Structure formats: structure tokens, C-alpha cells
Amino acid sequence: MTDEHGSWKTFGERLVYDNPWVKVALADVQAPNGDRWEYHVVHLARIAIALIVNDQDEALMLWRYRFATEQWGYELLGGMVDEGEDAAVTAAREAAEESGWEPIGEPEHLVTFEPLPGQVTAPTDVYLWRAAKHIGEPTDTEEVGRVEWVPLSRVPELAQRQELLGAGTLVSLLYFMASRNA
């Protein structure tokens, strides 16, 4: 049965692939037009992102390569939220591991969003810090890149050149910049 407001109905879901990072399911759905079929849904783990902005109006980022898109660019720091871990704690931990910079002070929850809601669940939480202290070299050897304080004034140019990698980085920076100018 369809909803007069255009909602899809879900009658169930069966898992076809499962690991700690990604789950793929077939959902039994009915579209607003009454058609019913199995629809692929990808469930990704919750992600926490640290946006650290210093007094010089720069954001701490990692210049790195992403093999899936064959792309070099800047990313904010963050990663998968461990079972039972607070997302803000994850963001701070990942920032320190990936950059060697530890966020200082209480985080401000900036925004939570779903980057690809058409057939992917990928909840993403973004936290803001206004300071960080350098604690040493990065310890996460998988997240290899060049750590940089990037002027926020470069965000539009970097976005235009497709050098801001991923929705998490782009949404976080644009949201922050728009909200402080509101």
C-alpha cells in the first residue's frame, strides 16, 4: 500500500554480504506508484569527522591518495566509530592517529548527515574544535599523507578543482563556512 505523501514502504530486508565495514542487503520495497521489487541497499558503518580550525582560519587536513576514485586531494580527519564508542571520542582519536595533532577542549557537534540516501546508509557526525596541540608523528600507517593546515579561503577553489575528497570533507567545510557567515 502506498502513502499519499510519496513514502516508500519496506516489507523486510535480507543480508547478502556482511563485514565490519560494509553490509549489502536486498530490501523488499514498494515505490509510491505501487511497484514492488527487491532494491539493493548498502549499509556503511557510522563515521565521525574532526574539523579542527585554528586561529589563523586554517583547517587541519590530510593530503592523500584514494585508490577507489584514483584521486589525490585533501580530507578532514576521522574514521569509523567503534561499537560503544562516542562519535566525538572517535573523531578526536582518529585526528590524533592520522595527523599527530590532538584536538583541545570540548568538541562542538557541527552536523550529522547521510551523504548518499538513495541506496546507502552512511551516518556521518562532524565535530568542531578550535585548537589542537602537536603530539608527534601520525601513528595510523594506513592513513598516509601530508598533514597540512589549509586556509579556509582556499575551500571554494579546492572544491572547484575536485581536491576535497568525499562528501564528509566537502559537507563539513561548506557547512562550517556557511554557518559562521549566517
Protein backbone atom coordinates (compact mmCIF):
# COMPACT_ATOMS: atom_id res chain seq x y z
CA MET A 1 0.00 0.00 0.00
CA THR A 2 1.34 3.43 -0.88
CA ASP A 3 1.26 6.57 1.20
CA GLU A 4 -0.42 9.71 -0.15
CA HIS A 5 2.76 11.65 0.78
CA GLY A 6 5.02 9.62 -1.54
CA SER A 7 6.67 7.36 1.05
CA TRP A 8 8.21 4.07 0.08
CA LYS A 9 7.12 1.00 2.07
CA THR A 10 9.69 -1.52 3.29
CA PHE A 11 8.46 -5.05 3.94
CA GLY A 12 11.78 -6.53 5.03
CA GLU A 13 15.42 -6.83 4.21
CA ARG A 14 17.78 -9.75 3.70
CA LEU A 15 21.53 -9.52 4.11
CA VAL A 16 23.60 -10.75 1.14
CA TYR A 17 27.07 -9.58 2.29
CA ASP A 18 28.36 -8.63 5.73
CA ASN A 19 31.69 -7.50 7.20
CA PRO A 20 32.70 -4.89 9.81
CA TRP A 21 32.85 -2.04 7.24
CA VAL A 22 30.01 -2.71 4.83
CA LYS A 23 26.78 -4.69 4.65
CA VAL A 24 24.83 -5.23 1.42
CA ALA A 25 21.16 -6.11 1.62
CA LEU A 26 18.18 -6.63 -0.62
CA ALA A 27 15.19 -4.70 0.66
CA ASP A 28 11.65 -5.72 -0.28
CA VAL A 29 10.19 -2.32 -1.13
CA GLN A 30 7.16 -0.75 -2.73
CA ALA A 31 7.50 2.59 -4.52
CA PRO A 32 4.82 5.29 -4.27
CA ASN A 33 3.48 4.20 -7.70
CA GLY A 34 2.65 0.73 -6.28
CA ASP A 35 5.51 -1.19 -7.96
CA ARG A 36 7.21 -3.67 -5.61
CA TRP A 37 10.65 -5.29 -6.00
CA GLU A 38 13.96 -6.03 -4.25
CA TYR A 39 16.22 -2.98 -4.03
CA HIS A 40 19.94 -3.06 -3.20
CA VAL A 41 20.87 -1.19 -0.03
CA VAL A 42 24.42 -0.66 1.22
CA HIS A 43 24.88 -0.04 4.95
CA LEU A 44 28.18 1.56 5.95
CA ALA A 45 29.47 2.00 9.49
CA ARG A 46 28.93 5.33 11.30
CA ILE A 47 31.74 7.78 10.61
CA ALA A 48 32.99 10.60 12.86
CA ILE A 49 34.89 13.56 11.41
CA ALA A 50 37.06 16.11 13.19
CA LEU A 51 37.08 19.64 11.83
CA ILE A 52 39.89 21.45 13.61
CA VAL A 53 40.14 25.17 12.83
CA ASN A 54 42.99 27.26 14.24
CA ASP A 55 43.30 31.00 15.00
CA GLN A 56 44.68 31.64 11.50
CA ASP A 57 41.40 30.39 9.95
CA GLU A 58 43.01 27.17 8.71
CA ALA A 59 41.62 23.63 8.86
CA LEU A 60 43.79 20.63 9.64
CA MET A 61 43.66 18.21 6.70
CA LEU A 62 45.46 15.31 5.15
CA TRP A 63 46.60 15.44 1.51
CA ARG A 64 46.34 11.85 0.34
CA TYR A 65 45.52 9.41 -2.44
CA ARG A 66 42.26 7.43 -2.64
CA PHE A 67 42.64 4.38 -4.86
CA ALA A 68 38.91 3.70 -5.38
CA THR A 69 38.46 7.02 -7.21
CA GLU A 70 42.11 7.29 -8.33
CA GLN A 71 42.27 10.75 -6.84
CA TRP A 72 44.64 12.93 -4.82
CA GLY A 73 43.15 15.56 -2.55
CA TYR A 74 42.50 16.91 0.92
CA GLU A 75 40.45 15.12 3.56
CA LEU A 76 39.41 16.02 7.04
CA LEU A 77 40.45 13.58 9.74
CA GLY A 78 38.12 10.89 11.03
CA GLY A 79 37.05 7.30 10.82
CA MET A 80 34.69 4.53 11.74
CA VAL A 81 33.00 4.72 15.14
CA ASP A 82 33.80 1.61 17.18
CA GLU A 83 30.94 -0.29 18.84
CA GLY A 84 30.03 1.51 22.06
CA GLU A 85 32.34 4.48 21.41
CA ASP A 86 31.06 8.05 21.43
CA ALA A 87 31.39 9.63 17.98
CA ALA A 88 33.17 12.73 19.35
CA VAL A 89 35.74 10.47 21.04
CA THR A 90 36.25 8.65 17.73
CA ALA A 91 36.76 11.93 15.86
CA ALA A 92 39.38 13.13 18.38
CA ARG A 93 41.18 9.77 18.44
CA GLU A 94 41.26 9.48 14.65
CA ALA A 95 42.53 13.06 14.30
CA ALA A 96 45.45 12.33 16.64
CA GLU A 97 46.25 8.97 15.00
CA GLU A 98 46.10 10.30 11.43
CA SER A 99 47.81 13.66 11.93
CA GLY A 100 49.79 13.72 15.17
CA TRP A 101 47.61 16.66 16.32
CA GLU A 102 45.31 16.21 19.30
CA PRO A 103 42.15 18.33 19.47
CA ILE A 104 41.97 20.53 22.57
CA GLY A 105 38.82 21.32 24.53
CA GLU A 106 35.23 20.26 24.25
CA PRO A 107 34.01 19.43 20.76
CA GLU A 108 31.05 21.23 19.24
CA HIS A 109 28.68 18.95 17.31
CA LEU A 110 28.54 20.66 13.94
CA VAL A 111 26.24 18.49 11.80
CA THR A 112 25.10 14.92 11.16
CA PHE A 113 24.19 13.86 7.64
CA GLU A 114 23.66 10.95 5.24
CA PRO A 115 25.79 11.51 2.10
CA LEU A 116 24.04 9.04 -0.30
CA PRO A 117 20.47 8.39 0.92
CA GLY A 118 19.22 6.87 -2.35
CA GLN A 119 20.57 3.41 -1.59
CA VAL A 120 23.31 3.83 1.02
CA THR A 121 23.13 4.37 4.77
CA ALA A 122 26.29 6.09 5.95
CA PRO A 123 25.61 8.21 9.04
CA THR A 124 28.30 10.86 9.40
CA ASP A 125 28.84 13.01 12.52
CA VAL A 126 31.04 16.11 12.35
CA TYR A 127 32.65 17.73 15.40
CA LEU A 128 34.42 21.08 15.56
CA TRP A 129 37.45 22.02 17.66
CA ARG A 130 39.07 25.46 17.69
CA ALA A 131 42.55 24.29 18.76
CA ALA A 132 44.92 21.32 18.72
CA LYS A 133 48.35 20.51 20.05
CA HIS A 134 51.06 18.66 18.16
CA ILE A 135 51.78 15.38 19.98
CA GLY A 136 54.13 13.72 17.50
CA GLU A 137 54.08 11.87 14.23
CA PRO A 138 50.91 10.18 12.93
CA THR A 139 50.54 6.63 14.25
CA ASP A 140 47.98 5.31 11.73
CA THR A 141 50.21 3.89 8.99
CA GLU A 142 47.27 3.14 6.65
CA GLU A 143 46.22 6.80 6.52
CA VAL A 144 49.46 8.01 4.97
CA GLY A 145 49.55 11.53 3.62
CA ARG A 146 50.86 15.04 4.12
CA VAL A 147 49.34 16.81 7.12
CA GLU A 148 48.59 20.48 6.39
CA TRP A 149 46.84 23.47 7.88
CA VAL A 150 44.83 24.62 4.85
CA PRO A 151 43.42 28.18 4.72
CA LEU A 152 39.62 28.10 4.66
CA SER A 153 39.78 30.80 1.99
CA ARG A 154 41.02 28.05 -0.39
CA VAL A 155 37.93 25.83 0.10
CA PRO A 156 35.95 27.13 -2.90
CA GLU A 157 38.98 26.78 -5.21
CA LEU A 158 39.80 23.28 -3.90
CA ALA A 159 36.16 22.21 -4.28
CA GLN A 160 36.07 23.51 -7.85
CA ARG A 161 39.26 21.56 -8.66
CA GLN A 162 37.77 18.43 -7.03
CA GLU A 163 40.59 18.36 -4.50
CA LEU A 164 38.34 18.00 -1.45
CA LEU A 165 37.82 14.26 -1.17
CA GLY A 166 34.49 12.83 -0.14
CA ALA A 167 31.17 14.18 1.00
CA GLY A 168 32.38 14.21 4.62
CA THR A 169 35.07 16.77 3.86
CA LEU A 170 33.01 18.87 1.47
CA VAL A 171 29.83 18.98 3.57
CA SER A 172 31.75 19.67 6.78
CA LEU A 173 33.75 22.57 5.39
CA LEU A 174 30.90 24.16 3.46
CA TYR A 175 28.50 23.81 6.42
CA PHE A 176 31.03 25.37 8.79
CA MET A 177 31.76 28.26 6.45
CA ALA A 178 28.07 28.93 5.76
CA SER A 179 27.04 28.71 9.42
CA ARG A 180 29.63 31.19 10.64
CA ASN A 181 28.58 33.71 8.00
CA ALA A 182 24.88 33.37 8.78
